[in-house]
Amino acid sequence: MSFFSVTFINTSFFLNAMSQRHGGFKRKTRHKFKKYYKEKGKISITQFLSEFKEGDKVILKAEPAYQKGMYYPRFHGKTGVILRKKGECYELMIKDYKKEKTLIVHPIHLKKA
């Protein structure tokens, strides 16, 4: 062993050993997606099959009993404009701060503004 020998440590070991972020899509939404106690029960079929036209203003209001076609929780309560129908869902434009974003949302999570 010489005086100038250097030991190299694999840094990827330390990166993987650190704690990972826990949680998924609906993390920290216990109160945000909660229904009022009088609204609990079966999903309304009229709300499930509701139709919107292009240019309609809608509010994003999640139906927690139906997870398909749900948007990211950050956009809860935002207002958007319907761009077009895409399958059984709707493509809509919302404004997130200064940036315009496109979301694909099921009509059960939309409410006319």
N, C-alpha and C. Protein backbone atom coordinates (compact mmCIF):
# COMPACT_ATOMS: atom_id res chain seq x y z
N MET A 1 0.83 -1.19 0.00
CA MET A 1 0.00 0.00 0.00
C MET A 1 0.87 1.25 0.00
N SER A 2 0.58 2.12 -0.90
CA SER A 2 1.39 3.34 -0.97
C SER A 2 0.69 4.46 -0.20
N PHE A 3 1.42 5.51 -0.02
CA PHE A 3 0.92 6.66 0.74
C PHE A 3 -0.20 7.38 -0.01
N PHE A 4 -0.14 7.30 -1.35
CA PHE A 4 -1.10 8.03 -2.18
C PHE A 4 -2.28 7.17 -2.65
N SER A 5 -2.54 6.06 -2.04
CA SER A 5 -3.67 5.22 -2.48
C SER A 5 -5.00 5.89 -2.11
N VAL A 6 -5.95 5.81 -3.01
CA VAL A 6 -7.23 6.46 -2.84
C VAL A 6 -8.33 5.39 -2.88
N THR A 7 -9.28 5.51 -1.99
CA THR A 7 -10.40 4.59 -1.98
C THR A 7 -11.60 5.27 -2.62
N PHE A 8 -12.19 4.59 -3.59
CA PHE A 8 -13.38 5.12 -4.25
C PHE A 8 -14.61 4.44 -3.67
N ILE A 9 -15.59 5.25 -3.32
CA ILE A 9 -16.82 4.73 -2.74
C ILE A 9 -17.94 4.90 -3.76
N ASN A 10 -18.72 3.87 -3.91
CA ASN A 10 -19.86 3.92 -4.83
C ASN A 10 -20.96 4.77 -4.19
N THR A 11 -21.22 5.95 -4.75
CA THR A 11 -22.19 6.88 -4.16
C THR A 11 -23.63 6.44 -4.39
N SER A 12 -23.87 5.58 -5.38
CA SER A 12 -25.24 5.14 -5.64
C SER A 12 -25.78 4.32 -4.47
N PHE A 13 -24.89 3.70 -3.71
CA PHE A 13 -25.32 2.95 -2.54
C PHE A 13 -25.98 3.88 -1.53
N PHE A 14 -25.41 5.05 -1.32
CA PHE A 14 -25.94 5.98 -0.34
C PHE A 14 -27.25 6.62 -0.82
N LEU A 15 -27.38 6.82 -2.13
CA LEU A 15 -28.60 7.40 -2.66
C LEU A 15 -29.78 6.44 -2.48
N ASN A 16 -29.55 5.15 -2.66
CA ASN A 16 -30.62 4.17 -2.52
C ASN A 16 -30.91 3.86 -1.05
N ALA A 17 -29.94 4.08 -0.17
CA ALA A 17 -30.12 3.77 1.24
C ALA A 17 -30.97 4.82 1.95
N MET A 18 -31.08 6.02 1.35
CA MET A 18 -31.87 7.07 1.96
C MET A 18 -33.35 6.74 1.85
N SER A 19 -34.17 7.35 2.71
CA SER A 19 -35.60 7.04 2.69
C SER A 19 -36.25 7.57 1.42
N GLN A 20 -37.16 6.78 0.90
CA GLN A 20 -37.87 7.14 -0.32
C GLN A 20 -39.15 7.89 0.04
N ARG A 21 -39.66 8.65 -0.92
CA ARG A 21 -40.90 9.39 -0.69
C ARG A 21 -42.06 8.39 -0.70
N HIS A 22 -42.91 8.48 0.31
CA HIS A 22 -44.04 7.58 0.42
C HIS A 22 -45.29 8.23 -0.14
N GLY A 23 -46.20 7.41 -0.60
CA GLY A 23 -47.49 7.93 -1.04
C GLY A 23 -47.63 7.87 -2.54
N GLY A 24 -48.86 7.98 -2.97
CA GLY A 24 -49.15 7.90 -4.39
C GLY A 24 -50.00 9.05 -4.86
N PHE A 25 -50.92 8.74 -5.76
CA PHE A 25 -51.73 9.75 -6.45
C PHE A 25 -52.64 10.53 -5.51
N LYS A 26 -53.26 9.85 -4.56
CA LYS A 26 -54.23 10.51 -3.68
C LYS A 26 -53.63 10.83 -2.31
N ARG A 27 -52.34 11.04 -2.24
CA ARG A 27 -51.67 11.33 -0.98
C ARG A 27 -52.13 12.68 -0.41
N LYS A 28 -52.41 12.71 0.88
CA LYS A 28 -52.82 13.91 1.63
C LYS A 28 -54.12 14.52 1.10
N THR A 29 -55.08 13.69 0.74
CA THR A 29 -56.35 14.21 0.22
C THR A 29 -57.52 13.77 1.10
N ARG A 30 -57.26 13.44 2.34
CA ARG A 30 -58.31 12.92 3.23
C ARG A 30 -59.48 13.90 3.36
N HIS A 31 -59.20 15.16 3.52
CA HIS A 31 -60.25 16.15 3.69
C HIS A 31 -60.65 16.81 2.36
N LYS A 32 -59.72 16.88 1.44
CA LYS A 32 -59.99 17.54 0.16
C LYS A 32 -61.05 16.81 -0.66
N PHE A 33 -60.99 15.47 -0.69
CA PHE A 33 -61.93 14.69 -1.48
C PHE A 33 -63.10 14.14 -0.66
N LYS A 34 -63.26 14.59 0.57
CA LYS A 34 -64.33 14.08 1.42
C LYS A 34 -65.68 14.61 0.95
N LYS A 35 -66.70 13.74 0.99
CA LYS A 35 -68.06 14.15 0.62
C LYS A 35 -68.81 14.62 1.86
N TYR A 36 -69.73 15.53 1.63
CA TYR A 36 -70.62 15.99 2.69
C TYR A 36 -71.50 14.80 3.07
N TYR A 37 -71.81 14.65 4.35
CA TYR A 37 -72.49 13.43 4.81
C TYR A 37 -73.86 13.21 4.18
N LYS A 38 -74.52 14.26 3.72
CA LYS A 38 -75.82 14.10 3.08
C LYS A 38 -75.69 13.71 1.60
N GLU A 39 -74.51 13.83 1.03
CA GLU A 39 -74.28 13.48 -0.37
C GLU A 39 -73.77 12.07 -0.55
N LYS A 40 -73.48 11.37 0.55
CA LYS A 40 -72.92 10.02 0.46
C LYS A 40 -73.95 9.04 -0.08
N GLY A 41 -73.47 7.95 -0.67
CA GLY A 41 -74.36 6.93 -1.21
C GLY A 41 -74.00 6.60 -2.64
N LYS A 42 -74.96 6.11 -3.40
CA LYS A 42 -74.71 5.72 -4.78
C LYS A 42 -74.44 6.95 -5.65
N ILE A 43 -73.68 6.71 -6.71
CA ILE A 43 -73.34 7.78 -7.65
C ILE A 43 -74.56 8.08 -8.52
N SER A 44 -74.81 9.35 -8.75
CA SER A 44 -75.92 9.78 -9.59
C SER A 44 -75.64 9.42 -11.04
N ILE A 45 -76.58 8.70 -11.67
CA ILE A 45 -76.41 8.28 -13.06
C ILE A 45 -76.49 9.48 -14.01
N THR A 46 -77.27 10.50 -13.67
CA THR A 46 -77.37 11.69 -14.52
C THR A 46 -76.05 12.46 -14.52
N GLN A 47 -75.40 12.50 -13.37
CA GLN A 47 -74.10 13.16 -13.28
C GLN A 47 -73.04 12.36 -14.02
N PHE A 48 -73.17 11.04 -13.97
CA PHE A 48 -72.21 10.15 -14.64
C PHE A 48 -72.29 10.29 -16.15
N LEU A 49 -73.51 10.47 -16.67
CA LEU A 49 -73.72 10.56 -18.12
C LEU A 49 -73.88 12.00 -18.61
N SER A 50 -73.56 12.98 -17.80
CA SER A 50 -73.74 14.39 -18.18
C SER A 50 -72.88 14.75 -19.39
N GLU A 51 -73.41 15.63 -20.23
CA GLU A 51 -72.72 16.04 -21.45
C GLU A 51 -72.42 17.53 -21.42
N PHE A 52 -71.31 17.90 -22.03
CA PHE A 52 -70.88 19.29 -22.10
C PHE A 52 -70.56 19.63 -23.55
N LYS A 53 -70.69 20.90 -23.91
CA LYS A 53 -70.35 21.36 -25.25
C LYS A 53 -68.97 22.01 -25.22
N GLU A 54 -68.38 22.15 -26.41
CA GLU A 54 -67.09 22.85 -26.52
C GLU A 54 -67.28 24.30 -26.08
N GLY A 55 -66.37 24.79 -25.26
CA GLY A 55 -66.44 26.17 -24.79
C GLY A 55 -67.17 26.33 -23.47
N ASP A 56 -67.80 25.26 -22.96
CA ASP A 56 -68.48 25.34 -21.66
C ASP A 56 -67.47 25.51 -20.54
N LYS A 57 -67.82 26.34 -19.56
CA LYS A 57 -66.97 26.50 -18.38
C LYS A 57 -67.39 25.48 -17.34
N VAL A 58 -66.42 24.77 -16.78
CA VAL A 58 -66.70 23.74 -15.78
C VAL A 58 -65.78 23.90 -14.57
N ILE A 59 -66.25 23.37 -13.44
CA ILE A 59 -65.45 23.37 -12.20
C ILE A 59 -65.02 21.94 -11.95
N LEU A 60 -63.77 21.76 -11.56
CA LEU A 60 -63.27 20.43 -11.21
C LEU A 60 -63.67 20.11 -9.77
N LYS A 61 -64.58 19.17 -9.63
CA LYS A 61 -65.04 18.72 -8.31
C LYS A 61 -65.03 17.21 -8.33
N ALA A 62 -64.12 16.61 -7.58
CA ALA A 62 -63.90 15.16 -7.63
C ALA A 62 -65.04 14.38 -7.01
N GLU A 63 -65.35 13.25 -7.62
CA GLU A 63 -66.27 12.27 -7.05
C GLU A 63 -65.39 11.15 -6.49
N PRO A 64 -65.20 11.11 -5.16
CA PRO A 64 -64.23 10.18 -4.58
C PRO A 64 -64.60 8.71 -4.74
N ALA A 65 -65.86 8.40 -5.02
CA ALA A 65 -66.27 7.01 -5.17
C ALA A 65 -65.89 6.44 -6.53
N TYR A 66 -65.50 7.28 -7.48
CA TYR A 66 -65.15 6.84 -8.82
C TYR A 66 -63.78 7.41 -9.17
N GLN A 67 -62.76 6.54 -9.22
CA GLN A 67 -61.39 7.03 -9.41
C GLN A 67 -60.96 7.15 -10.86
N LYS A 68 -61.64 6.47 -11.78
CA LYS A 68 -61.24 6.54 -13.18
C LYS A 68 -61.46 7.95 -13.72
N GLY A 69 -60.53 8.43 -14.49
CA GLY A 69 -60.67 9.74 -15.12
C GLY A 69 -60.56 10.89 -14.14
N MET A 70 -59.94 10.64 -12.98
CA MET A 70 -59.78 11.70 -11.98
C MET A 70 -58.52 12.51 -12.30
N TYR A 71 -58.54 13.75 -11.96
CA TYR A 71 -57.43 14.66 -12.19
C TYR A 71 -56.49 14.66 -10.97
N TYR A 72 -55.35 15.31 -11.11
CA TYR A 72 -54.40 15.42 -10.02
C TYR A 72 -54.98 16.34 -8.94
N PRO A 73 -54.87 15.98 -7.65
CA PRO A 73 -55.53 16.73 -6.57
C PRO A 73 -55.19 18.22 -6.50
N ARG A 74 -54.06 18.60 -7.07
CA ARG A 74 -53.66 20.02 -7.05
C ARG A 74 -54.68 20.91 -7.78
N PHE A 75 -55.38 20.34 -8.76
CA PHE A 75 -56.31 21.12 -9.57
C PHE A 75 -57.73 21.14 -9.02
N HIS A 76 -57.95 20.62 -7.83
CA HIS A 76 -59.30 20.54 -7.24
C HIS A 76 -59.87 21.94 -7.03
N GLY A 77 -61.06 22.18 -7.55
CA GLY A 77 -61.73 23.47 -7.39
C GLY A 77 -61.42 24.47 -8.49
N LYS A 78 -60.53 24.13 -9.41
CA LYS A 78 -60.18 25.06 -10.49
C LYS A 78 -61.28 25.07 -11.55
N THR A 79 -61.34 26.16 -12.29
CA THR A 79 -62.30 26.31 -13.38
C THR A 79 -61.57 26.15 -14.71
N GLY A 80 -62.20 25.45 -15.63
CA GLY A 80 -61.60 25.23 -16.94
C GLY A 80 -62.61 25.36 -18.05
N VAL A 81 -62.12 25.27 -19.29
CA VAL A 81 -62.96 25.37 -20.48
C VAL A 81 -62.84 24.07 -21.26
N ILE A 82 -63.99 23.51 -21.67
CA ILE A 82 -64.01 22.26 -22.43
C ILE A 82 -63.45 22.51 -23.83
N LEU A 83 -62.47 21.70 -24.23
CA LEU A 83 -61.91 21.80 -25.57
C LEU A 83 -62.60 20.83 -26.52
N ARG A 84 -62.71 19.55 -26.10
CA ARG A 84 -63.36 18.54 -26.95
C ARG A 84 -63.64 17.30 -26.14
N LYS A 85 -64.41 16.40 -26.72
CA LYS A 85 -64.71 15.12 -26.09
C LYS A 85 -63.66 14.11 -26.55
N LYS A 86 -63.18 13.28 -25.63
CA LYS A 86 -62.16 12.29 -25.95
C LYS A 86 -62.60 10.97 -25.34
N GLY A 87 -63.22 10.13 -26.14
CA GLY A 87 -63.80 8.89 -25.64
C GLY A 87 -65.01 9.22 -24.79
N GLU A 88 -65.05 8.71 -23.57
CA GLU A 88 -66.14 9.08 -22.67
C GLU A 88 -65.74 10.23 -21.75
N CYS A 89 -64.50 10.70 -21.87
CA CYS A 89 -64.00 11.80 -21.04
C CYS A 89 -63.98 13.10 -21.85
N TYR A 90 -63.61 14.18 -21.17
CA TYR A 90 -63.51 15.49 -21.82
C TYR A 90 -62.11 16.05 -21.63
N GLU A 91 -61.62 16.68 -22.68
CA GLU A 91 -60.33 17.36 -22.61
C GLU A 91 -60.62 18.82 -22.30
N LEU A 92 -60.01 19.34 -21.25
CA LEU A 92 -60.27 20.72 -20.88
C LEU A 92 -58.98 21.47 -20.58
N MET A 93 -59.05 22.78 -20.74
CA MET A 93 -57.91 23.66 -20.53
C MET A 93 -58.12 24.40 -19.22
N ILE A 94 -57.12 24.33 -18.33
CA ILE A 94 -57.17 25.10 -17.10
C ILE A 94 -55.94 25.98 -17.04
N LYS A 95 -55.99 27.00 -16.22
CA LYS A 95 -54.86 27.88 -16.04
C LYS A 95 -54.26 27.60 -14.66
N ASP A 96 -53.04 27.10 -14.65
CA ASP A 96 -52.32 26.81 -13.42
C ASP A 96 -51.25 27.89 -13.27
N TYR A 97 -51.55 28.88 -12.45
CA TYR A 97 -50.74 30.10 -12.34
C TYR A 97 -50.71 30.78 -13.70
N LYS A 98 -49.57 30.92 -14.36
CA LYS A 98 -49.53 31.60 -15.65
C LYS A 98 -49.54 30.62 -16.81
N LYS A 99 -49.43 29.34 -16.52
CA LYS A 99 -49.32 28.34 -17.57
C LYS A 99 -50.67 27.67 -17.83
N GLU A 100 -51.00 27.47 -19.10
CA GLU A 100 -52.23 26.77 -19.46
C GLU A 100 -51.92 25.28 -19.57
N LYS A 101 -52.79 24.47 -18.97
CA LYS A 101 -52.59 23.02 -18.97
C LYS A 101 -53.82 22.32 -19.49
N THR A 102 -53.61 21.17 -20.13
CA THR A 102 -54.69 20.37 -20.67
C THR A 102 -54.88 19.14 -19.79
N LEU A 103 -56.13 18.88 -19.38
CA LEU A 103 -56.46 17.72 -18.57
C LEU A 103 -57.50 16.88 -19.29
N ILE A 104 -57.47 15.58 -19.05
CA ILE A 104 -58.49 14.68 -19.57
C ILE A 104 -59.24 14.14 -18.36
N VAL A 105 -60.52 14.51 -18.23
CA VAL A 105 -61.29 14.24 -17.03
C VAL A 105 -62.64 13.61 -17.38
N HIS A 106 -63.05 12.66 -16.54
CA HIS A 106 -64.36 12.02 -16.70
C HIS A 106 -65.45 13.02 -16.28
N PRO A 107 -66.62 13.01 -16.94
CA PRO A 107 -67.67 14.00 -16.63
C PRO A 107 -68.21 13.93 -15.20
N ILE A 108 -68.02 12.82 -14.49
CA ILE A 108 -68.51 12.74 -13.12
C ILE A 108 -67.73 13.68 -12.19
N HIS A 109 -66.52 14.06 -12.61
CA HIS A 109 -65.69 14.95 -11.81
C HIS A 109 -65.83 16.40 -12.24
N LEU A 110 -66.78 16.69 -13.14
CA LEU A 110 -66.99 18.04 -13.65
C LEU A 110 -68.36 18.57 -13.23
N LYS A 111 -68.44 19.88 -13.04
CA LYS A 111 -69.68 20.53 -12.65
C LYS A 111 -69.77 21.83 -13.44
N LYS A 112 -70.95 22.15 -14.01
CA LYS A 112 -71.08 23.37 -14.81
C LYS A 112 -70.87 24.59 -13.94
N ALA A 113 -70.11 25.56 -14.47
CA ALA A 113 -69.82 26.78 -13.73
C ALA A 113 -70.89 27.83 -13.95
